[in-house]
Amino acid sequence: RFNPPFYLTGRDFVRYMLELYRAPY
């Protein structure tokens, strides 16, 4: 049951997740 923060854009969400994963955007 995946629900991203509703207020983030797709780019913001991917960028945020990659920062958590310590992977480059």
PDB file of all heavy atoms in Angstrom:
ATOM      1  N   ARG A   1       0.859  -1.190   0.000  1.00  0.00           N
ATOM      2  CA  ARG A   1       0.000   0.000   0.000  1.00  0.00           C
ATOM      3  C   ARG A   1       0.892   1.235   0.000  1.00  0.00           C
ATOM      4  O   ARG A   1       1.170   1.828   1.033  1.00  0.00           O
ATOM      5  CB  ARG A   1      -0.936  -0.023   1.214  1.00  0.00           C
ATOM      6  CG  ARG A   1      -1.934  -1.161   1.166  1.00  0.00           C
ATOM      7  CD  ARG A   1      -2.828  -1.175   2.401  1.00  0.00           C
ATOM      8  NE  ARG A   1      -3.808  -2.235   2.354  1.00  0.00           N
ATOM      9  CZ  ARG A   1      -3.585  -3.480   2.767  1.00  0.00           C
ATOM     10  NH1 ARG A   1      -2.395  -3.791   3.269  1.00  0.00           N
ATOM     11  NH2 ARG A   1      -4.520  -4.401   2.676  1.00  0.00           N
ATOM     12  N   PHE A   2       1.315   1.614  -1.191  1.00  0.00           N
ATOM     13  CA  PHE A   2       2.250   2.730  -1.333  1.00  0.00           C
ATOM     14  C   PHE A   2       1.475   4.031  -1.532  1.00  0.00           C
ATOM     15  O   PHE A   2       0.659   4.149  -2.448  1.00  0.00           O
ATOM     16  CB  PHE A   2       3.185   2.477  -2.522  1.00  0.00           C
ATOM     17  CG  PHE A   2       3.942   3.699  -2.950  1.00  0.00           C
ATOM     18  CD1 PHE A   2       4.915   4.242  -2.131  1.00  0.00           C
ATOM     19  CD2 PHE A   2       3.656   4.318  -4.153  1.00  0.00           C
ATOM     20  CE1 PHE A   2       5.596   5.380  -2.504  1.00  0.00           C
ATOM     21  CE2 PHE A   2       4.338   5.451  -4.548  1.00  0.00           C
ATOM     22  CZ  PHE A   2       5.311   5.983  -3.720  1.00  0.00           C
ATOM     23  N   ASN A   3       1.738   5.001  -0.673  1.00  0.00           N
ATOM     24  CA  ASN A   3       1.101   6.313  -0.772  1.00  0.00           C
ATOM     25  C   ASN A   3       2.151   7.392  -0.545  1.00  0.00           C
ATOM     26  O   ASN A   3       2.546   7.645   0.595  1.00  0.00           O
ATOM     27  CB  ASN A   3      -0.018   6.461   0.269  1.00  0.00           C
ATOM     28  CG  ASN A   3      -1.219   5.603  -0.054  1.00  0.00           C
ATOM     29  OD1 ASN A   3      -1.864   5.789  -1.074  1.00  0.00           O
ATOM     30  ND2 ASN A   3      -1.514   4.639   0.809  1.00  0.00           N
ATOM     31  N   PRO A   4       2.604   8.059  -1.603  1.00  0.00           N
ATOM     32  CA  PRO A   4       3.593   9.120  -1.431  1.00  0.00           C
ATOM     33  C   PRO A   4       2.943  10.348  -0.802  1.00  0.00           C
ATOM     34  O   PRO A   4       1.717  10.515  -0.856  1.00  0.00           O
ATOM     35  CB  PRO A   4       4.032   9.414  -2.869  1.00  0.00           C
ATOM     36  CG  PRO A   4       2.825   9.075  -3.696  1.00  0.00           C
ATOM     37  CD  PRO A   4       2.188   7.898  -3.011  1.00  0.00           C
ATOM     38  N   PRO A   5       3.720  11.233  -0.186  1.00  0.00           N
ATOM     39  CA  PRO A   5       3.159  12.482   0.337  1.00  0.00           C
ATOM     40  C   PRO A   5       2.418  13.232  -0.768  1.00  0.00           C
ATOM     41  O   PRO A   5       2.987  13.492  -1.832  1.00  0.00           O
ATOM     42  CB  PRO A   5       4.392  13.240   0.829  1.00  0.00           C
ATOM     43  CG  PRO A   5       5.398  12.170   1.134  1.00  0.00           C
ATOM     44  CD  PRO A   5       5.161  11.109   0.097  1.00  0.00           C
ATOM     45  N   PHE A   6       1.164  13.550  -0.542  1.00  0.00           N
ATOM     46  CA  PHE A   6       0.303  14.088  -1.598  1.00  0.00           C
ATOM     47  C   PHE A   6       0.774  15.434  -2.121  1.00  0.00           C
ATOM     48  O   PHE A   6       0.455  15.833  -3.237  1.00  0.00           O
ATOM     49  CB  PHE A   6      -1.137  14.196  -1.084  1.00  0.00           C
ATOM     50  CG  PHE A   6      -1.333  15.263  -0.040  1.00  0.00           C
ATOM     51  CD1 PHE A   6      -1.697  16.550  -0.394  1.00  0.00           C
ATOM     52  CD2 PHE A   6      -1.159  14.973   1.305  1.00  0.00           C
ATOM     53  CE1 PHE A   6      -1.884  17.531   0.567  1.00  0.00           C
ATOM     54  CE2 PHE A   6      -1.333  15.951   2.270  1.00  0.00           C
ATOM     55  CZ  PHE A   6      -1.699  17.237   1.912  1.00  0.00           C
ATOM     56  N   TYR A   7       1.540  16.169  -1.311  1.00  0.00           N
ATOM     57  CA  TYR A   7       1.929  17.533  -1.675  1.00  0.00           C
ATOM     58  C   TYR A   7       3.222  17.592  -2.484  1.00  0.00           C
ATOM     59  O   TYR A   7       3.583  18.655  -3.009  1.00  0.00           O
ATOM     60  CB  TYR A   7       2.095  18.382  -0.411  1.00  0.00           C
ATOM     61  CG  TYR A   7       2.978  17.753   0.638  1.00  0.00           C
ATOM     62  CD1 TYR A   7       4.357  17.894   0.604  1.00  0.00           C
ATOM     63  CD2 TYR A   7       2.418  16.965   1.647  1.00  0.00           C
ATOM     64  CE1 TYR A   7       5.159  17.280   1.546  1.00  0.00           C
ATOM     65  CE2 TYR A   7       3.217  16.354   2.606  1.00  0.00           C
ATOM     66  CZ  TYR A   7       4.580  16.514   2.550  1.00  0.00           C
ATOM     67  OH  TYR A   7       5.382  15.899   3.482  1.00  0.00           O
ATOM     68  N   LEU A   8       3.937  16.467  -2.606  1.00  0.00           N
ATOM     69  CA  LEU A   8       5.187  16.451  -3.357  1.00  0.00           C
ATOM     70  C   LEU A   8       4.920  16.188  -4.836  1.00  0.00           C
ATOM     71  O   LEU A   8       4.049  15.405  -5.203  1.00  0.00           O
ATOM     72  CB  LEU A   8       6.125  15.363  -2.829  1.00  0.00           C
ATOM     73  CG  LEU A   8       6.723  15.558  -1.440  1.00  0.00           C
ATOM     74  CD1 LEU A   8       7.645  14.391  -1.109  1.00  0.00           C
ATOM     75  CD2 LEU A   8       7.482  16.872  -1.344  1.00  0.00           C
ATOM     76  N   THR A   9       5.689  16.831  -5.688  1.00  0.00           N
ATOM     77  CA  THR A   9       5.651  16.479  -7.101  1.00  0.00           C
ATOM     78  C   THR A   9       6.393  15.164  -7.303  1.00  0.00           C
ATOM     79  O   THR A   9       7.139  14.707  -6.422  1.00  0.00           O
ATOM     80  CB  THR A   9       6.328  17.560  -7.966  1.00  0.00           C
ATOM     81  OG1 THR A   9       7.726  17.612  -7.641  1.00  0.00           O
ATOM     82  CG2 THR A   9       5.694  18.928  -7.736  1.00  0.00           C
ATOM     83  N   GLY A  10       6.199  14.564  -8.468  1.00  0.00           N
ATOM     84  CA  GLY A  10       6.924  13.331  -8.759  1.00  0.00           C
ATOM     85  C   GLY A  10       8.418  13.519  -8.661  1.00  0.00           C
ATOM     86  O   GLY A  10       9.126  12.672  -8.105  1.00  0.00           O
ATOM     87  N   ARG A  11       8.916  14.629  -9.177  1.00  0.00           N
ATOM     88  CA  ARG A  11      10.362  14.889  -9.119  1.00  0.00           C
ATOM     89  C   ARG A  11      10.832  15.031  -7.677  1.00  0.00           C
ATOM     90  O   ARG A  11      11.857  14.470  -7.291  1.00  0.00           O
ATOM     91  CB  ARG A  11      10.696  16.147  -9.906  1.00  0.00           C
ATOM     92  CG  ARG A  11      12.191  16.501  -9.877  1.00  0.00           C
ATOM     93  CD  ARG A  11      12.524  17.746 -10.666  1.00  0.00           C
ATOM     94  NE  ARG A  11      12.420  17.498 -12.112  1.00  0.00           N
ATOM     95  CZ  ARG A  11      11.396  17.885 -12.860  1.00  0.00           C
ATOM     96  NH1 ARG A  11      10.368  18.530 -12.309  1.00  0.00           N
ATOM     97  NH2 ARG A  11      11.383  17.628 -14.149  1.00  0.00           N
ATOM     98  N   ASP A  12      10.078  15.790  -6.880  1.00  0.00           N
ATOM     99  CA  ASP A  12      10.465  15.986  -5.485  1.00  0.00           C
ATOM    100  C   ASP A  12      10.498  14.666  -4.730  1.00  0.00           C
ATOM    101  O   ASP A  12      11.393  14.422  -3.914  1.00  0.00           O
ATOM    102  CB  ASP A  12       9.507  16.955  -4.788  1.00  0.00           C
ATOM    103  CG  ASP A  12       9.665  18.387  -5.260  1.00  0.00           C
ATOM    104  OD1 ASP A  12      10.736  18.711  -5.810  1.00  0.00           O
ATOM    105  OD2 ASP A  12       8.719  19.174  -5.085  1.00  0.00           O
ATOM    106  N   PHE A  13       9.506  13.808  -5.004  1.00  0.00           N
ATOM    107  CA  PHE A  13       9.464  12.525  -4.308  1.00  0.00           C
ATOM    108  C   PHE A  13      10.649  11.651  -4.698  1.00  0.00           C
ATOM    109  O   PHE A  13      11.314  11.065  -3.826  1.00  0.00           O
ATOM    110  CB  PHE A  13       8.160  11.785  -4.603  1.00  0.00           C
ATOM    111  CG  PHE A  13       8.113  10.413  -3.993  1.00  0.00           C
ATOM    112  CD1 PHE A  13       7.895  10.260  -2.633  1.00  0.00           C
ATOM    113  CD2 PHE A  13       8.322   9.281  -4.762  1.00  0.00           C
ATOM    114  CE1 PHE A  13       7.892   8.997  -2.049  1.00  0.00           C
ATOM    115  CE2 PHE A  13       8.312   8.017  -4.194  1.00  0.00           C
ATOM    116  CZ  PHE A  13       8.090   7.882  -2.834  1.00  0.00           C
ATOM    117  N   VAL A  14      10.924  11.537  -5.992  1.00  0.00           N
ATOM    118  CA  VAL A  14      12.051  10.711  -6.432  1.00  0.00           C
ATOM    119  C   VAL A  14      13.355  11.259  -5.875  1.00  0.00           C
ATOM    120  O   VAL A  14      14.208  10.502  -5.382  1.00  0.00           O
ATOM    121  CB  VAL A  14      12.098  10.634  -7.970  1.00  0.00           C
ATOM    122  CG1 VAL A  14      13.367   9.920  -8.424  1.00  0.00           C
ATOM    123  CG2 VAL A  14      10.870   9.903  -8.503  1.00  0.00           C
ATOM    124  N   ARG A  15      13.515  12.581  -5.924  1.00  0.00           N
ATOM    125  CA  ARG A  15      14.744  13.184  -5.406  1.00  0.00           C
ATOM    126  C   ARG A  15      14.910  12.886  -3.909  1.00  0.00           C
ATOM    127  O   ARG A  15      15.999  12.563  -3.436  1.00  0.00           O
ATOM    128  CB  ARG A  15      14.726  14.693  -5.649  1.00  0.00           C
ATOM    129  CG  ARG A  15      16.072  15.375  -5.413  1.00  0.00           C
ATOM    130  CD  ARG A  15      15.937  16.886  -5.562  1.00  0.00           C
ATOM    131  NE  ARG A  15      15.519  17.276  -6.876  1.00  0.00           N
ATOM    132  CZ  ARG A  15      16.345  17.452  -7.918  1.00  0.00           C
ATOM    133  NH1 ARG A  15      17.647  17.237  -7.745  1.00  0.00           N
ATOM    134  NH2 ARG A  15      15.884  17.832  -9.085  1.00  0.00           N
ATOM    135  N   TYR A  16      13.799  12.994  -3.172  1.00  0.00           N
ATOM    136  CA  TYR A  16      13.827  12.738  -1.729  1.00  0.00           C
ATOM    137  C   TYR A  16      14.191  11.286  -1.447  1.00  0.00           C
ATOM    138  O   TYR A  16      15.036  10.994  -0.588  1.00  0.00           O
ATOM    139  CB  TYR A  16      12.472  13.076  -1.132  1.00  0.00           C
ATOM    140  CG  TYR A  16      12.306  12.699   0.317  1.00  0.00           C
ATOM    141  CD1 TYR A  16      13.049  13.316   1.315  1.00  0.00           C
ATOM    142  CD2 TYR A  16      11.397  11.703   0.688  1.00  0.00           C
ATOM    143  CE1 TYR A  16      12.892  12.960   2.649  1.00  0.00           C
ATOM    144  CE2 TYR A  16      11.241  11.343   2.017  1.00  0.00           C
ATOM    145  CZ  TYR A  16      11.991  11.979   2.987  1.00  0.00           C
ATOM    146  OH  TYR A  16      11.834  11.610   4.295  1.00  0.00           O
ATOM    147  N   MET A  17      13.558  10.348  -2.173  1.00  0.00           N
ATOM    148  CA  MET A  17      13.835   8.944  -1.942  1.00  0.00           C
ATOM    149  C   MET A  17      15.283   8.589  -2.293  1.00  0.00           C
ATOM    150  O   MET A  17      15.938   7.823  -1.582  1.00  0.00           O
ATOM    151  CB  MET A  17      12.873   8.065  -2.742  1.00  0.00           C
ATOM    152  CG  MET A  17      11.435   8.102  -2.239  1.00  0.00           C
ATOM    153  SD  MET A  17      11.289   7.617  -0.493  1.00  0.00           S
ATOM    154  CE  MET A  17      11.942   5.963  -0.538  1.00  0.00           C
ATOM    155  N   LEU A  18      15.795   9.139  -3.377  1.00  0.00           N
ATOM    156  CA  LEU A  18      17.169   8.841  -3.753  1.00  0.00           C
ATOM    157  C   LEU A  18      18.151   9.427  -2.739  1.00  0.00           C
ATOM    158  O   LEU A  18      19.228   8.853  -2.505  1.00  0.00           O
ATOM    159  CB  LEU A  18      17.462   9.361  -5.158  1.00  0.00           C
ATOM    160  CG  LEU A  18      16.725   8.631  -6.285  1.00  0.00           C
ATOM    161  CD1 LEU A  18      17.133   9.175  -7.643  1.00  0.00           C
ATOM    162  CD2 LEU A  18      16.985   7.126  -6.225  1.00  0.00           C
ATOM    163  N   GLU A  19      17.788  10.538  -2.131  1.00  0.00           N
ATOM    164  CA  GLU A  19      18.633  11.073  -1.067  1.00  0.00           C
ATOM    165  C   GLU A  19      18.662  10.111   0.117  1.00  0.00           C
ATOM    166  O   GLU A  19      19.718   9.868   0.710  1.00  0.00           O
ATOM    167  CB  GLU A  19      18.121  12.444  -0.627  1.00  0.00           C
ATOM    168  CG  GLU A  19      19.005  13.122   0.408  1.00  0.00           C
ATOM    169  CD  GLU A  19      18.574  14.532   0.732  1.00  0.00           C
ATOM    170  OE1 GLU A  19      17.777  15.105  -0.036  1.00  0.00           O
ATOM    171  OE2 GLU A  19      19.024  15.058   1.763  1.00  0.00           O
ATOM    172  N   LEU A  20      17.488   9.539   0.458  1.00  0.00           N
ATOM    173  CA  LEU A  20      17.446   8.552   1.542  1.00  0.00           C
ATOM    174  C   LEU A  20      18.256   7.311   1.184  1.00  0.00           C
ATOM    175  O   LEU A  20      18.911   6.718   2.047  1.00  0.00           O
ATOM    176  CB  LEU A  20      15.995   8.169   1.845  1.00  0.00           C
ATOM    177  CG  LEU A  20      15.099   9.236   2.466  1.00  0.00           C
ATOM    178  CD1 LEU A  20      13.698   8.675   2.692  1.00  0.00           C
ATOM    179  CD2 LEU A  20      15.675   9.736   3.793  1.00  0.00           C
ATOM    180  N   TYR A  21      18.183   6.909  -0.083  1.00  0.00           N
ATOM    181  CA  TYR A  21      18.942   5.742  -0.534  1.00  0.00           C
ATOM    182  C   TYR A  21      20.419   6.056  -0.767  1.00  0.00           C
ATOM    183  O   TYR A  21      21.201   5.171  -1.113  1.00  0.00           O
ATOM    184  CB  TYR A  21      18.351   5.199  -1.839  1.00  0.00           C
ATOM    185  CG  TYR A  21      17.072   4.423  -1.683  1.00  0.00           C
ATOM    186  CD1 TYR A  21      15.957   4.693  -2.480  1.00  0.00           C
ATOM    187  CD2 TYR A  21      16.966   3.383  -0.767  1.00  0.00           C
ATOM    188  CE1 TYR A  21      14.784   3.961  -2.362  1.00  0.00           C
ATOM    189  CE2 TYR A  21      15.801   2.651  -0.644  1.00  0.00           C
ATOM    190  CZ  TYR A  21      14.712   2.951  -1.438  1.00  0.00           C
ATOM    191  OH  TYR A  21      13.548   2.216  -1.314  1.00  0.00           O
ATOM    192  N   ARG A  22      20.791   7.329  -0.623  1.00  0.00           N
ATOM    193  CA  ARG A  22      22.159   7.780  -0.867  1.00  0.00           C
ATOM    194  C   ARG A  22      22.597   7.458  -2.286  1.00  0.00           C
ATOM    195  O   ARG A  22      23.721   6.996  -2.537  1.00  0.00           O
ATOM    196  CB  ARG A  22      23.121   7.187   0.161  1.00  0.00           C
ATOM    197  CG  ARG A  22      22.781   7.607   1.597  1.00  0.00           C
ATOM    198  CD  ARG A  22      23.762   7.070   2.601  1.00  0.00           C
ATOM    199  NE  ARG A  22      23.389   7.484   3.958  1.00  0.00           N
ATOM    200  CZ  ARG A  22      24.056   7.158   5.056  1.00  0.00           C
ATOM    201  NH1 ARG A  22      25.142   6.399   4.954  1.00  0.00           N
ATOM    202  NH2 ARG A  22      23.652   7.559   6.247  1.00  0.00           N
ATOM    203  N   ALA A  23      21.680   7.709  -3.205  1.00  0.00           N
ATOM    204  CA  ALA A  23      21.936   7.496  -4.623  1.00  0.00           C
ATOM    205  C   ALA A  23      21.802   8.838  -5.340  1.00  0.00           C
ATOM    206  O   ALA A  23      21.002   9.687  -4.947  1.00  0.00           O
ATOM    207  CB  ALA A  23      20.940   6.485  -5.206  1.00  0.00           C
ATOM    208  N   PRO A  24      22.567   9.064  -6.387  1.00  0.00           N
ATOM    209  CA  PRO A  24      22.508  10.350  -7.095  1.00  0.00           C
ATOM    210  C   PRO A  24      21.219  10.503  -7.891  1.00  0.00           C
ATOM    211  O   PRO A  24      20.661   9.520  -8.381  1.00  0.00           O
ATOM    212  CB  PRO A  24      23.730  10.303  -8.008  1.00  0.00           C
ATOM    213  CG  PRO A  24      23.963   8.843  -8.250  1.00  0.00           C
ATOM    214  CD  PRO A  24      23.592   8.159  -6.964  1.00  0.00           C
ATOM    215  N   TYR A  25      20.773  11.740  -8.007  1.00  0.00           N
ATOM    216  CA  TYR A  25      19.610  12.043  -8.844  1.00  0.00           C
ATOM    217  C   TYR A  25      20.115  12.471 -10.209  1.00  0.00           C
ATOM    218  O   TYR A  25      20.914  13.410 -10.325  1.00  0.00           O
ATOM    219  CB  TYR A  25      18.769  13.153  -8.225  1.00  0.00           C
ATOM    220  CG  TYR A  25      17.554  13.509  -9.059  1.00  0.00           C
ATOM    221  CD1 TYR A  25      16.327  12.893  -8.827  1.00  0.00           C
ATOM    222  CD2 TYR A  25      17.633  14.448 -10.091  1.00  0.00           C
ATOM    223  CE1 TYR A  25      15.215  13.191  -9.592  1.00  0.00           C
ATOM    224  CE2 TYR A  25      16.530  14.746 -10.864  1.00  0.00           C
ATOM    225  CZ  TYR A  25      15.326  14.120 -10.620  1.00  0.00           C
ATOM    226  OH  TYR A  25      14.228  14.425 -11.390  1.00  0.00           O
TER     227      TYR A  25
END
